[in-house]
PDB file of N, CA and C in Angstrom:
ATOM      1  N   MET A   1      -5.833  -6.971  22.247  1.00  0.00           N
ATOM      2  CA  MET A   1      -5.589  -5.786  21.469  1.00  0.00           C
ATOM      3  C   MET A   1      -4.430  -5.029  22.122  1.00  0.00           C
ATOM      4  N   LYS A   2      -3.464  -4.654  21.327  1.00  0.00           N
ATOM      5  CA  LYS A   2      -2.313  -3.860  21.801  1.00  0.00           C
ATOM      6  C   LYS A   2      -2.658  -2.469  22.262  1.00  0.00           C
ATOM      7  N   THR A   3      -1.988  -2.019  23.226  1.00  0.00           N
ATOM      8  CA  THR A   3      -2.075  -0.616  23.702  1.00  0.00           C
ATOM      9  C   THR A   3      -1.292   0.300  22.890  1.00  0.00           C
ATOM     10  N   ILE A   4      -1.545   1.592  22.987  1.00  0.00           N
ATOM     11  CA  ILE A   4      -0.732   2.568  22.315  1.00  0.00           C
ATOM     12  C   ILE A   4       0.720   2.444  22.728  1.00  0.00           C
ATOM     13  N   GLY A   5       0.973   2.296  23.965  1.00  0.00           N
ATOM     14  CA  GLY A   5       2.355   2.151  24.458  1.00  0.00           C
ATOM     15  C   GLY A   5       3.033   0.908  23.870  1.00  0.00           C
ATOM     16  N   GLU A   6       2.315  -0.180  23.774  1.00  0.00           N
ATOM     17  CA  GLU A   6       2.857  -1.364  23.179  1.00  0.00           C
ATOM     18  C   GLU A   6       3.273  -1.157  21.715  1.00  0.00           C
ATOM     19  N   ARG A   7       2.396  -0.502  20.978  1.00  0.00           N
ATOM     20  CA  ARG A   7       2.658  -0.238  19.598  1.00  0.00           C
ATOM     21  C   ARG A   7       3.894   0.686  19.380  1.00  0.00           C
ATOM     22  N   ILE A   8       3.954   1.672  20.251  1.00  0.00           N
ATOM     23  CA  ILE A   8       5.142   2.601  20.191  1.00  0.00           C
ATOM     24  C   ILE A   8       6.391   1.939  20.525  1.00  0.00           C
ATOM     25  N   LYS A   9       6.364   1.076  21.545  1.00  0.00           N
ATOM     26  CA  LYS A   9       7.540   0.314  21.984  1.00  0.00           C
ATOM     27  C   LYS A   9       7.986  -0.632  20.879  1.00  0.00           C
ATOM     28  N   GLU A  10       7.034  -1.360  20.230  1.00  0.00           N
ATOM     29  CA  GLU A  10       7.394  -2.238  19.105  1.00  0.00           C
ATOM     30  C   GLU A  10       8.108  -1.472  17.980  1.00  0.00           C
ATOM     31  N   LEU A  11       7.592  -0.326  17.662  1.00  0.00           N
ATOM     32  CA  LEU A  11       8.212   0.501  16.580  1.00  0.00           C
ATOM     33  C   LEU A  11       9.617   0.836  16.978  1.00  0.00           C
ATOM     34  N   ARG A  12       9.787   1.339  18.188  1.00  0.00           N
ATOM     35  CA  ARG A  12      11.108   1.734  18.699  1.00  0.00           C
ATOM     36  C   ARG A  12      12.082   0.552  18.642  1.00  0.00           C
ATOM     37  N   GLU A  13      11.644  -0.553  19.163  1.00  0.00           N
ATOM     38  CA  GLU A  13      12.540  -1.730  19.180  1.00  0.00           C
ATOM     39  C   GLU A  13      12.848  -2.245  17.798  1.00  0.00           C
ATOM     40  N   ALA A  14      11.924  -2.101  16.897  1.00  0.00           N
ATOM     41  CA  ALA A  14      12.235  -2.500  15.450  1.00  0.00           C
ATOM     42  C   ALA A  14      13.363  -1.683  14.832  1.00  0.00           C
ATOM     43  N   LYS A  15      13.506  -0.431  15.328  1.00  0.00           N
ATOM     44  CA  LYS A  15      14.557   0.401  14.838  1.00  0.00           C
ATOM     45  C   LYS A  15      15.890   0.264  15.665  1.00  0.00           C
ATOM     46  N   GLY A  16      15.837  -0.593  16.649  1.00  0.00           N
ATOM     47  CA  GLY A  16      16.969  -0.865  17.496  1.00  0.00           C
ATOM     48  C   GLY A  16      17.396   0.307  18.366  1.00  0.00           C
ATOM     49  N   LEU A  17      16.462   1.092  18.818  1.00  0.00           N
ATOM     50  CA  LEU A  17      16.750   2.253  19.621  1.00  0.00           C
ATOM     51  C   LEU A  17      16.281   2.013  21.130  1.00  0.00           C
ATOM     52  N   ASN A  18      16.964   2.664  22.012  1.00  0.00           N
ATOM     53  CA  ASN A  18      16.459   2.607  23.389  1.00  0.00           C
ATOM     54  C   ASN A  18      15.511   3.865  23.582  1.00  0.00           C
ATOM     55  N   SER A  19      14.833   3.867  24.670  1.00  0.00           N
ATOM     56  CA  SER A  19      13.847   4.931  24.869  1.00  0.00           C
ATOM     57  C   SER A  19      14.438   6.301  25.004  1.00  0.00           C
ATOM     58  N   LYS A  20      15.621   6.436  25.510  1.00  0.00           N
ATOM     59  CA  LYS A  20      16.288   7.712  25.597  1.00  0.00           C
ATOM     60  C   LYS A  20      16.664   8.224  24.219  1.00  0.00           C
ATOM     61  N   GLU A  21      17.160   7.352  23.332  1.00  0.00           N
ATOM     62  CA  GLU A  21      17.530   7.734  21.990  1.00  0.00           C
ATOM     63  C   GLU A  21      16.345   8.236  21.226  1.00  0.00           C
ATOM     64  N   ILE A  22      15.226   7.445  21.250  1.00  0.00           N
ATOM     65  CA  ILE A  22      14.012   7.864  20.463  1.00  0.00           C
ATOM     66  C   ILE A  22      13.382   9.126  21.080  1.00  0.00           C
ATOM     67  N   ALA A  23      13.466   9.319  22.377  1.00  0.00           N
ATOM     68  CA  ALA A  23      12.962  10.552  22.929  1.00  0.00           C
ATOM     69  C   ALA A  23      13.736  11.763  22.387  1.00  0.00           C
ATOM     70  N   ASN A  24      15.086  11.603  22.297  1.00  0.00           N
ATOM     71  CA  ASN A  24      15.911  12.701  21.800  1.00  0.00           C
ATOM     72  C   ASN A  24      15.588  12.946  20.299  1.00  0.00           C
ATOM     73  N   ILE A  25      15.530  11.840  19.559  1.00  0.00           N
ATOM     74  CA  ILE A  25      15.201  12.015  18.097  1.00  0.00           C
ATOM     75  C   ILE A  25      13.868  12.733  17.873  1.00  0.00           C
ATOM     76  N   LEU A  26      12.884  12.362  18.733  1.00  0.00           N
ATOM     77  CA  LEU A  26      11.526  12.965  18.521  1.00  0.00           C
ATOM     78  C   LEU A  26      11.422  14.237  19.211  1.00  0.00           C
ATOM     79  N   ASP A  27      12.436  14.701  20.008  1.00  0.00           N
ATOM     80  CA  ASP A  27      12.385  15.886  20.787  1.00  0.00           C
ATOM     81  C   ASP A  27      11.122  15.876  21.727  1.00  0.00           C
ATOM     82  N   ILE A  28      11.078  14.710  22.445  1.00  0.00           N
ATOM     83  CA  ILE A  28      10.089  14.527  23.533  1.00  0.00           C
ATOM     84  C   ILE A  28      10.874  14.264  24.813  1.00  0.00           C
ATOM     85  N   ASN A  29      10.420  14.869  25.856  1.00  0.00           N
ATOM     86  CA  ASN A  29      11.058  14.647  27.179  1.00  0.00           C
ATOM     87  C   ASN A  29      11.138  13.196  27.487  1.00  0.00           C
ATOM     88  N   THR A  30      12.291  12.681  27.956  1.00  0.00           N
ATOM     89  CA  THR A  30      12.527  11.309  28.210  1.00  0.00           C
ATOM     90  C   THR A  30      11.507  10.676  29.154  1.00  0.00           C
ATOM     91  N   SER A  31      11.150  11.424  30.172  1.00  0.00           N
ATOM     92  CA  SER A  31      10.121  10.961  31.103  1.00  0.00           C
ATOM     93  C   SER A  31       8.777  10.785  30.451  1.00  0.00           C
ATOM     94  N   THR A  32       8.450  11.774  29.680  1.00  0.00           N
ATOM     95  CA  THR A  32       7.183  11.802  28.945  1.00  0.00           C
ATOM     96  C   THR A  32       7.093  10.627  28.050  1.00  0.00           C
ATOM     97  N   TYR A  33       8.163  10.403  27.301  1.00  0.00           N
ATOM     98  CA  TYR A  33       8.196   9.214  26.344  1.00  0.00           C
ATOM     99  C   TYR A  33       8.065   7.924  27.094  1.00  0.00           C
ATOM    100  N   SER A  34       8.743   7.789  28.193  1.00  0.00           N
ATOM    101  CA  SER A  34       8.652   6.581  29.028  1.00  0.00           C
ATOM    102  C   SER A  34       7.156   6.349  29.490  1.00  0.00           C
ATOM    103  N   LYS A  35       6.535   7.440  29.888  1.00  0.00           N
ATOM    104  CA  LYS A  35       5.125   7.307  30.301  1.00  0.00           C
ATOM    105  C   LYS A  35       4.269   6.908  29.203  1.00  0.00           C
ATOM    106  N   LEU A  36       4.534   7.383  27.964  1.00  0.00           N
ATOM    107  CA  LEU A  36       3.756   6.964  26.824  1.00  0.00           C
ATOM    108  C   LEU A  36       3.852   5.456  26.566  1.00  0.00           C
ATOM    109  N   GLU A  37       5.100   5.002  26.577  1.00  0.00           N
ATOM    110  CA  GLU A  37       5.303   3.542  26.326  1.00  0.00           C
ATOM    111  C   GLU A  37       4.687   2.699  27.435  1.00  0.00           C
ATOM    112  N   ASN A  38       4.669   3.220  28.641  1.00  0.00           N
ATOM    113  CA  ASN A  38       4.126   2.448  29.783  1.00  0.00           C
ATOM    114  C   ASN A  38       2.656   2.720  30.028  1.00  0.00           C
ATOM    115  N   ASN A  39       2.045   3.414  29.118  1.00  0.00           N
ATOM    116  CA  ASN A  39       0.622   3.721  29.208  1.00  0.00           C
ATOM    117  C   ASN A  39       0.194   4.483  30.528  1.00  0.00           C
ATOM    118  N   LYS A  40       1.139   5.335  30.961  1.00  0.00           N
ATOM    119  CA  LYS A  40       0.918   6.073  32.181  1.00  0.00           C
ATOM    120  C   LYS A  40       0.509   7.559  31.792  1.00  0.00           C
ATOM    121  N   LYS A  41       0.489   7.825  30.475  1.00  0.00           N
ATOM    122  CA  LYS A  41       0.152   9.157  29.987  1.00  0.00           C
ATOM    123  C   LYS A  41      -0.560   9.058  28.686  1.00  0.00           C
ATOM    124  N   SER A  42      -1.634   9.714  28.500  1.00  0.00           N
ATOM    125  CA  SER A  42      -2.298   9.770  27.218  1.00  0.00           C
ATOM    126  C   SER A  42      -1.460  10.519  26.206  1.00  0.00           C
ATOM    127  N   ILE A  43      -1.520  10.051  24.956  1.00  0.00           N
ATOM    128  CA  ILE A  43      -0.696  10.649  23.900  1.00  0.00           C
ATOM    129  C   ILE A  43      -1.340  11.931  23.388  1.00  0.00           C
ATOM    130  N   GLY A  44      -0.579  12.945  23.285  1.00  0.00           N
ATOM    131  CA  GLY A  44      -0.998  14.227  22.771  1.00  0.00           C
ATOM    132  C   GLY A  44      -0.868  14.309  21.241  1.00  0.00           C
ATOM    133  N   VAL A  45      -1.460  15.317  20.720  1.00  0.00           N
ATOM    134  CA  VAL A  45      -1.511  15.553  19.252  1.00  0.00           C
ATOM    135  C   VAL A  45      -0.070  15.732  18.714  1.00  0.00           C
ATOM    136  N   LEU A  46       0.662  16.532  19.409  1.00  0.00           N
ATOM    137  CA  LEU A  46       2.106  16.835  18.986  1.00  0.00           C
ATOM    138  C   LEU A  46       2.953  15.579  19.065  1.00  0.00           C
ATOM    139  N   GLU A  47       2.745  14.808  20.155  1.00  0.00           N
ATOM    140  CA  GLU A  47       3.532  13.607  20.266  1.00  0.00           C
ATOM    141  C   GLU A  47       3.148  12.574  19.187  1.00  0.00           C
ATOM    142  N   LEU A  48       1.901  12.450  19.025  1.00  0.00           N
ATOM    143  CA  LEU A  48       1.399  11.576  17.999  1.00  0.00           C
ATOM    144  C   LEU A  48       1.887  11.908  16.566  1.00  0.00           C
ATOM    145  N   ARG A  49       1.900  13.195  16.243  1.00  0.00           N
ATOM    146  CA  ARG A  49       2.380  13.647  14.945  1.00  0.00           C
ATOM    147  C   ARG A  49       3.929  13.321  14.878  1.00  0.00           C
ATOM    148  N   LYS A  50       4.710  13.543  15.842  1.00  0.00           N
ATOM    149  CA  LYS A  50       6.102  13.279  15.744  1.00  0.00           C
ATOM    150  C   LYS A  50       6.390  11.776  15.595  1.00  0.00           C
ATOM    151  N   ILE A  51       5.658  10.956  16.355  1.00  0.00           N
ATOM    152  CA  ILE A  51       5.809   9.503  16.239  1.00  0.00           C
ATOM    153  C   ILE A  51       5.424   9.003  14.882  1.00  0.00           C
ATOM    154  N   THR A  52       4.274   9.360  14.378  1.00  0.00           N
ATOM    155  CA  THR A  52       3.801   8.898  13.089  1.00  0.00           C
ATOM    156  C   THR A  52       4.764   9.348  11.933  1.00  0.00           C
ATOM    157  N   GLU A  53       5.281  10.517  12.031  1.00  0.00           N
ATOM    158  CA  GLU A  53       6.132  11.032  10.964  1.00  0.00           C
ATOM    159  C   GLU A  53       7.447  10.248  11.019  1.00  0.00           C
ATOM    160  N   TYR A  54       8.056  10.025  12.173  1.00  0.00           N
ATOM    161  CA  TYR A  54       9.313   9.370  12.281  1.00  0.00           C
ATOM    162  C   TYR A  54       9.203   7.902  11.868  1.00  0.00           C
ATOM    163  N   PHE A  55       8.192   7.214  12.327  1.00  0.00           N
ATOM    164  CA  PHE A  55       8.054   5.766  11.983  1.00  0.00           C
ATOM    165  C   PHE A  55       7.316   5.490  10.712  1.00  0.00           C
ATOM    166  N   SER A  56       6.815   6.549  10.043  1.00  0.00           N
ATOM    167  CA  SER A  56       6.080   6.394   8.796  1.00  0.00           C
ATOM    168  C   SER A  56       4.853   5.468   8.956  1.00  0.00           C
ATOM    169  N   VAL A  57       4.070   5.682  10.000  1.00  0.00           N
ATOM    170  CA  VAL A  57       2.880   4.896  10.261  1.00  0.00           C
ATOM    171  C   VAL A  57       1.742   5.951  10.370  1.00  0.00           C
ATOM    172  N   SER A  58       0.500   5.404  10.274  1.00  0.00           N
ATOM    173  CA  SER A  58      -0.633   6.279  10.485  1.00  0.00           C
ATOM    174  C   SER A  58      -0.971   6.488  11.917  1.00  0.00           C
ATOM    175  N   ALA A  59      -1.737   7.555  12.194  1.00  0.00           N
ATOM    176  CA  ALA A  59      -2.223   7.813  13.493  1.00  0.00           C
ATOM    177  C   ALA A  59      -3.189   6.689  13.895  1.00  0.00           C
ATOM    178  N   ASP A  60      -3.937   6.207  12.886  1.00  0.00           N
ATOM    179  CA  ASP A  60      -4.875   5.129  13.147  1.00  0.00           C
ATOM    180  C   ASP A  60      -4.130   3.870  13.683  1.00  0.00           C
ATOM    181  N   TYR A  61      -2.951   3.631  13.168  1.00  0.00           N
ATOM    182  CA  TYR A  61      -2.218   2.495  13.634  1.00  0.00           C
ATOM    183  C   TYR A  61      -1.801   2.681  15.134  1.00  0.00           C
ATOM    184  N   ILE A  62      -1.259   3.810  15.417  1.00  0.00           N
ATOM    185  CA  ILE A  62      -0.801   4.099  16.825  1.00  0.00           C
ATOM    186  C   ILE A  62      -2.034   4.025  17.778  1.00  0.00           C
ATOM    187  N   LEU A  63      -3.131   4.575  17.379  1.00  0.00           N
ATOM    188  CA  LEU A  63      -4.371   4.568  18.231  1.00  0.00           C
ATOM    189  C   LEU A  63      -5.067   3.256  18.220  1.00  0.00           C
ATOM    190  N   GLY A  64      -4.709   2.350  17.302  1.00  0.00           N
ATOM    191  CA  GLY A  64      -5.427   1.071  17.192  1.00  0.00           C
ATOM    192  C   GLY A  64      -6.731   1.117  16.526  1.00  0.00           C
ATOM    193  N   THR A  65      -6.967   2.042  15.692  1.00  0.00           N
ATOM    194  CA  THR A  65      -8.266   2.185  15.028  1.00  0.00           C
ATOM    195  C   THR A  65      -8.298   1.810  13.598  1.00  0.00           C
ATOM    196  N   ASN A  66      -7.178   1.199  13.101  1.00  0.00           N
ATOM    197  CA  ASN A  66      -7.019   0.969  11.706  1.00  0.00           C
ATOM    198  C   ASN A  66      -7.231  -0.516  11.406  1.00  0.00           C
ATOM    199  N   LYS A  67      -7.218  -0.822  10.111  1.00  0.00           N
ATOM    200  CA  LYS A  67      -7.223  -2.220   9.650  1.00  0.00           C
ATOM    201  C   LYS A  67      -5.801  -2.630   9.394  1.00  0.00           C
ATOM    202  N   PRO A  68      -5.414  -3.797   9.809  1.00  0.00           N
ATOM    203  CA  PRO A  68      -4.049  -4.266   9.622  1.00  0.00           C
ATOM    204  C   PRO A  68      -3.637  -4.241   8.151  1.00  0.00           C
ATOM    205  N   GLU A  69      -4.553  -4.502   7.227  1.00  0.00           N
ATOM    206  CA  GLU A  69      -4.256  -4.515   5.791  1.00  0.00           C
ATOM    207  C   GLU A  69      -3.747  -3.134   5.332  1.00  0.00           C
ATOM    208  N   ALA A  70      -4.343  -2.101   5.847  1.00  0.00           N
ATOM    209  CA  ALA A  70      -3.898  -0.752   5.477  1.00  0.00           C
ATOM    210  C   ALA A  70      -2.502  -0.470   5.936  1.00  0.00           C
ATOM    211  N   ASP A  71      -2.132  -0.953   7.110  1.00  0.00           N
ATOM    212  CA  ASP A  71      -0.733  -0.818   7.554  1.00  0.00           C
ATOM    213  C   ASP A  71       0.217  -1.571   6.684  1.00  0.00           C
ATOM    214  N   MET A  72      -0.195  -2.764   6.323  1.00  0.00           N
ATOM    215  CA  MET A  72       0.651  -3.600   5.475  1.00  0.00           C
ATOM    216  C   MET A  72       0.946  -2.879   4.142  1.00  0.00           C
ATOM    217  N   VAL A  73      -0.074  -2.340   3.553  1.00  0.00           N
ATOM    218  CA  VAL A  73       0.048  -1.591   2.295  1.00  0.00           C
ATOM    219  C   VAL A  73       1.027  -0.433   2.449  1.00  0.00           C
ATOM    220  N   MET A  74       0.824   0.298   3.532  1.00  0.00           N
ATOM    221  CA  MET A  74       1.673   1.490   3.816  1.00  0.00           C
ATOM    222  C   MET A  74       3.075   1.066   3.979  1.00  0.00           C
ATOM    223  N   TYR A  75       3.282  -0.016   4.668  1.00  0.00           N
ATOM    224  CA  TYR A  75       4.654  -0.539   4.920  1.00  0.00           C
ATOM    225  C   TYR A  75       5.348  -0.930   3.583  1.00  0.00           C
ATOM    226  N   MET A  76       4.560  -1.695   2.756  1.00  0.00           N
ATOM    227  CA  MET A  76       5.076  -2.091   1.487  1.00  0.00           C
ATOM    228  C   MET A  76       5.485  -0.965   0.554  1.00  0.00           C
ATOM    229  N   LYS A  77       4.674   0.063   0.634  1.00  0.00           N
ATOM    230  CA  LYS A  77       4.972   1.296  -0.165  1.00  0.00           C
ATOM    231  C   LYS A  77       6.191   1.990   0.354  1.00  0.00           C
ATOM    232  N   ARG A  78       6.194   2.305   1.607  1.00  0.00           N
ATOM    233  CA  ARG A  78       7.227   3.163   2.171  1.00  0.00           C
ATOM    234  C   ARG A  78       8.536   2.469   2.440  1.00  0.00           C
ATOM    235  N   GLU A  79       8.492   1.296   3.019  1.00  0.00           N
ATOM    236  CA  GLU A  79       9.739   0.613   3.463  1.00  0.00           C
ATOM    237  C   GLU A  79      10.348  -0.310   2.404  1.00  0.00           C
ATOM    238  N   LYS A  80       9.468  -0.903   1.574  1.00  0.00           N
ATOM    239  CA  LYS A  80       9.929  -1.871   0.605  1.00  0.00           C
ATOM    240  C   LYS A  80       9.891  -1.315  -0.822  1.00  0.00           C
ATOM    241  N   ASN A  81       9.327  -0.096  -1.027  1.00  0.00           N
ATOM    242  CA  ASN A  81       9.293   0.517  -2.298  1.00  0.00           C
ATOM    243  C   ASN A  81       8.622  -0.327  -3.340  1.00  0.00           C
ATOM    244  N   MET A  82       7.546  -1.019  -2.939  1.00  0.00           N
ATOM    245  CA  MET A  82       6.885  -1.966  -3.930  1.00  0.00           C
ATOM    246  C   MET A  82       5.956  -1.135  -4.807  1.00  0.00           C
ATOM    247  N   SER A  83       5.780  -1.588  -6.065  1.00  0.00           N
ATOM    248  CA  SER A  83       4.925  -0.928  -6.978  1.00  0.00           C
ATOM    249  C   SER A  83       3.496  -1.219  -6.638  1.00  0.00           C
ATOM    250  N   GLU A  84       2.622  -0.473  -7.153  1.00  0.00           N
ATOM    251  CA  GLU A  84       1.106  -0.704  -6.977  1.00  0.00           C
ATOM    252  C   GLU A  84       0.742  -2.120  -7.482  1.00  0.00           C
ATOM    253  N   GLU A  85       1.349  -2.489  -8.592  1.00  0.00           N
ATOM    254  CA  GLU A  85       1.072  -3.749  -9.162  1.00  0.00           C
ATOM    255  C   GLU A  85       1.481  -4.925  -8.263  1.00  0.00           C
ATOM    256  N   ASP A  86       2.715  -4.819  -7.671  1.00  0.00           N
ATOM    257  CA  ASP A  86       3.180  -5.835  -6.770  1.00  0.00           C
ATOM    258  C   ASP A  86       2.287  -5.851  -5.471  1.00  0.00           C
ATOM    259  N   ILE A  87       1.899  -4.702  -4.976  1.00  0.00           N
ATOM    260  CA  ILE A  87       1.031  -4.647  -3.814  1.00  0.00           C
ATOM    261  C   ILE A  87      -0.288  -5.315  -4.081  1.00  0.00           C
ATOM    262  N   GLU A  88      -0.885  -5.037  -5.231  1.00  0.00           N
ATOM    263  CA  GLU A  88      -2.164  -5.677  -5.622  1.00  0.00           C
ATOM    264  C   GLU A  88      -2.027  -7.221  -5.669  1.00  0.00           C
ATOM    265  N   GLU A  89      -0.880  -7.711  -6.132  1.00  0.00           N
ATOM    266  CA  GLU A  89      -0.630  -9.154  -6.232  1.00  0.00           C
ATOM    267  C   GLU A  89      -0.508  -9.700  -4.831  1.00  0.00           C
ATOM    268  N   VAL A  90       0.140  -9.045  -3.916  1.00  0.00           N
ATOM    269  CA  VAL A  90       0.228  -9.537  -2.525  1.00  0.00           C
ATOM    270  C   VAL A  90      -1.131  -9.519  -1.908  1.00  0.00           C
ATOM    271  N   GLN A  91      -1.918  -8.501  -2.144  1.00  0.00           N
ATOM    272  CA  GLN A  91      -3.267  -8.434  -1.577  1.00  0.00           C
ATOM    273  C   GLN A  91      -4.131  -9.591  -2.105  1.00  0.00           C
ATOM    274  N   MET A  92      -3.978  -9.906  -3.420  1.00  0.00           N
ATOM    275  CA  MET A  92      -4.720 -10.964  -3.985  1.00  0.00           C
ATOM    276  C   MET A  92      -4.373 -12.266  -3.355  1.00  0.00           C
ATOM    277  N   ILE A  93      -3.086 -12.536  -3.136  1.00  0.00           N
ATOM    278  CA  ILE A  93      -2.628 -13.767  -2.471  1.00  0.00           C
ATOM    279  C   ILE A  93      -3.165 -13.828  -1.065  1.00  0.00           C
ATOM    280  N   LEU A  94      -3.159 -12.750  -0.304  1.00  0.00           N
ATOM    281  CA  LEU A  94      -3.657 -12.796   1.027  1.00  0.00           C
ATOM    282  C   LEU A  94      -5.159 -13.045   1.011  1.00  0.00           C
ATOM    283  N   SER A  95      -5.849 -12.465   0.151  1.00  0.00           N
ATOM    284  CA  SER A  95      -7.296 -12.717  -0.024  1.00  0.00           C
ATOM    285  C   SER A  95      -7.555 -14.223  -0.308  1.00  0.00           C
ATOM    286  N   MET A  96      -6.746 -14.776  -1.141  1.00  0.00           N
ATOM    287  CA  MET A  96      -6.956 -16.154  -1.460  1.00  0.00           C
ATOM    288  C   MET A  96      -6.662 -17.083  -0.221  1.00  0.00           C
ATOM    289  N   MET A  97      -5.645 -16.657   0.542  1.00  0.00           N
ATOM    290  CA  MET A  97      -5.296 -17.417   1.822  1.00  0.00           C
ATOM    291  C   MET A  97      -6.465 -17.254   2.813  1.00  0.00           C
ATOM    292  N   ASP A  98      -7.111 -16.143   2.904  1.00  0.00           N
ATOM    293  CA  ASP A  98      -8.260 -15.904   3.800  1.00  0.00           C
ATOM    294  C   ASP A  98      -9.333 -16.786   3.385  1.00  0.00           C
ATOM    295  N   GLU A  99      -9.601 -16.882   2.093  1.00  0.00           N
ATOM    296  CA  GLU A  99     -10.694 -17.774   1.580  1.00  0.00           C
ATOM    297  C   GLU A  99     -10.373 -19.232   1.870  1.00  0.00           C
ATOM    298  N   ALA A 100      -9.141 -19.655   1.691  1.00  0.00           N
ATOM    299  CA  ALA A 100      -8.753 -21.022   1.957  1.00  0.00           C
ATOM    300  C   ALA A 100      -8.938 -21.316   3.464  1.00  0.00           C
ATOM    301  N   ILE A 101      -8.578 -20.416   4.330  1.00  0.00           N
ATOM    302  CA  ILE A 101      -8.721 -20.657   5.827  1.00  0.00           C
ATOM    303  C   ILE A 101     -10.208 -20.722   6.118  1.00  0.00           C
ATOM    304  N   THR A 102     -10.992 -19.856   5.513  1.00  0.00           N
ATOM    305  CA  THR A 102     -12.429 -19.903   5.804  1.00  0.00           C
ATOM    306  C   THR A 102     -13.018 -21.257   5.400  1.00  0.00           C
ATOM    307  N   LEU A 103     -12.648 -21.724   4.177  1.00  0.00           N
ATOM    308  CA  LEU A 103     -13.193 -22.980   3.695  1.00  0.00           C
ATOM    309  C   LEU A 103     -12.662 -24.121   4.540  1.00  0.00           C
ATOM    310  N   PHE A 104     -11.452 -24.113   5.003  1.00  0.00           N
ATOM    311  CA  PHE A 104     -10.875 -25.127   5.905  1.00  0.00           C
ATOM    312  C   PHE A 104     -11.671 -25.230   7.189  1.00  0.00           C
ATOM    313  N   ASN A 105     -11.896 -24.024   7.778  1.00  0.00           N
ATOM    314  CA  ASN A 105     -12.727 -23.946   9.015  1.00  0.00           C
ATOM    315  C   ASN A 105     -14.130 -24.439   8.834  1.00  0.00           C
ATOM    316  N   MET A 106     -14.745 -24.155   7.713  1.00  0.00           N
ATOM    317  CA  MET A 106     -16.069 -24.616   7.465  1.00  0.00           C
ATOM    318  C   MET A 106     -16.088 -26.160   7.315  1.00  0.00           C
ATOM    319  N   LYS A 107     -15.051 -26.678   6.645  1.00  0.00           N
ATOM    320  CA  LYS A 107     -14.956 -28.098   6.449  1.00  0.00           C
ATOM    321  C   LYS A 107     -14.814 -28.807   7.783  1.00  0.00           C
ATOM    322  N   LYS A 108     -14.023 -28.187   8.679  1.00  0.00           N
ATOM    323  CA  LYS A 108     -13.835 -28.829  10.040  1.00  0.00           C
ATOM    324  C   LYS A 108     -15.147 -28.924  10.827  1.00  0.00           C
ATOM    325  N   ARG A 109     -16.058 -28.027  10.534  1.00  0.00           N
ATOM    326  CA  ARG A 109     -17.317 -28.012  11.260  1.00  0.00           C
ATOM    327  C   ARG A 109     -18.303 -29.085  10.842  1.00  0.00           C
ATOM    328  N   ILE A 110     -18.077 -29.521   9.623  1.00  0.00           N
ATOM    329  CA  ILE A 110     -18.997 -30.547   9.010  1.00  0.00           C
ATOM    330  C   ILE A 110     -18.717 -31.912   9.516  1.00  0.00           C
TER     331      ILE A 110
END
């Protein structure tokens, strides 16, 4: 399971930013931001709010208390501008893939 720091670092790297740039954008002290990424400091409410707003992710994602499916739906809506109908279709396909994997694993055990 990824740590809060690992999740924050992945988000930053996905935007192609270094830690100093993102600290400036978020108006967080550079040292504080570095400590967050390196899991040397617990994340505060204000820092969490700034990070979730900038990266358009949920606090649950940062804290690791969410379901990956919920993050995927949020990503599809915000970053890819997908319609509800398209999102439902993707979810149906993923569900079918999960069922196929489950059946495959069951068959392997027989």
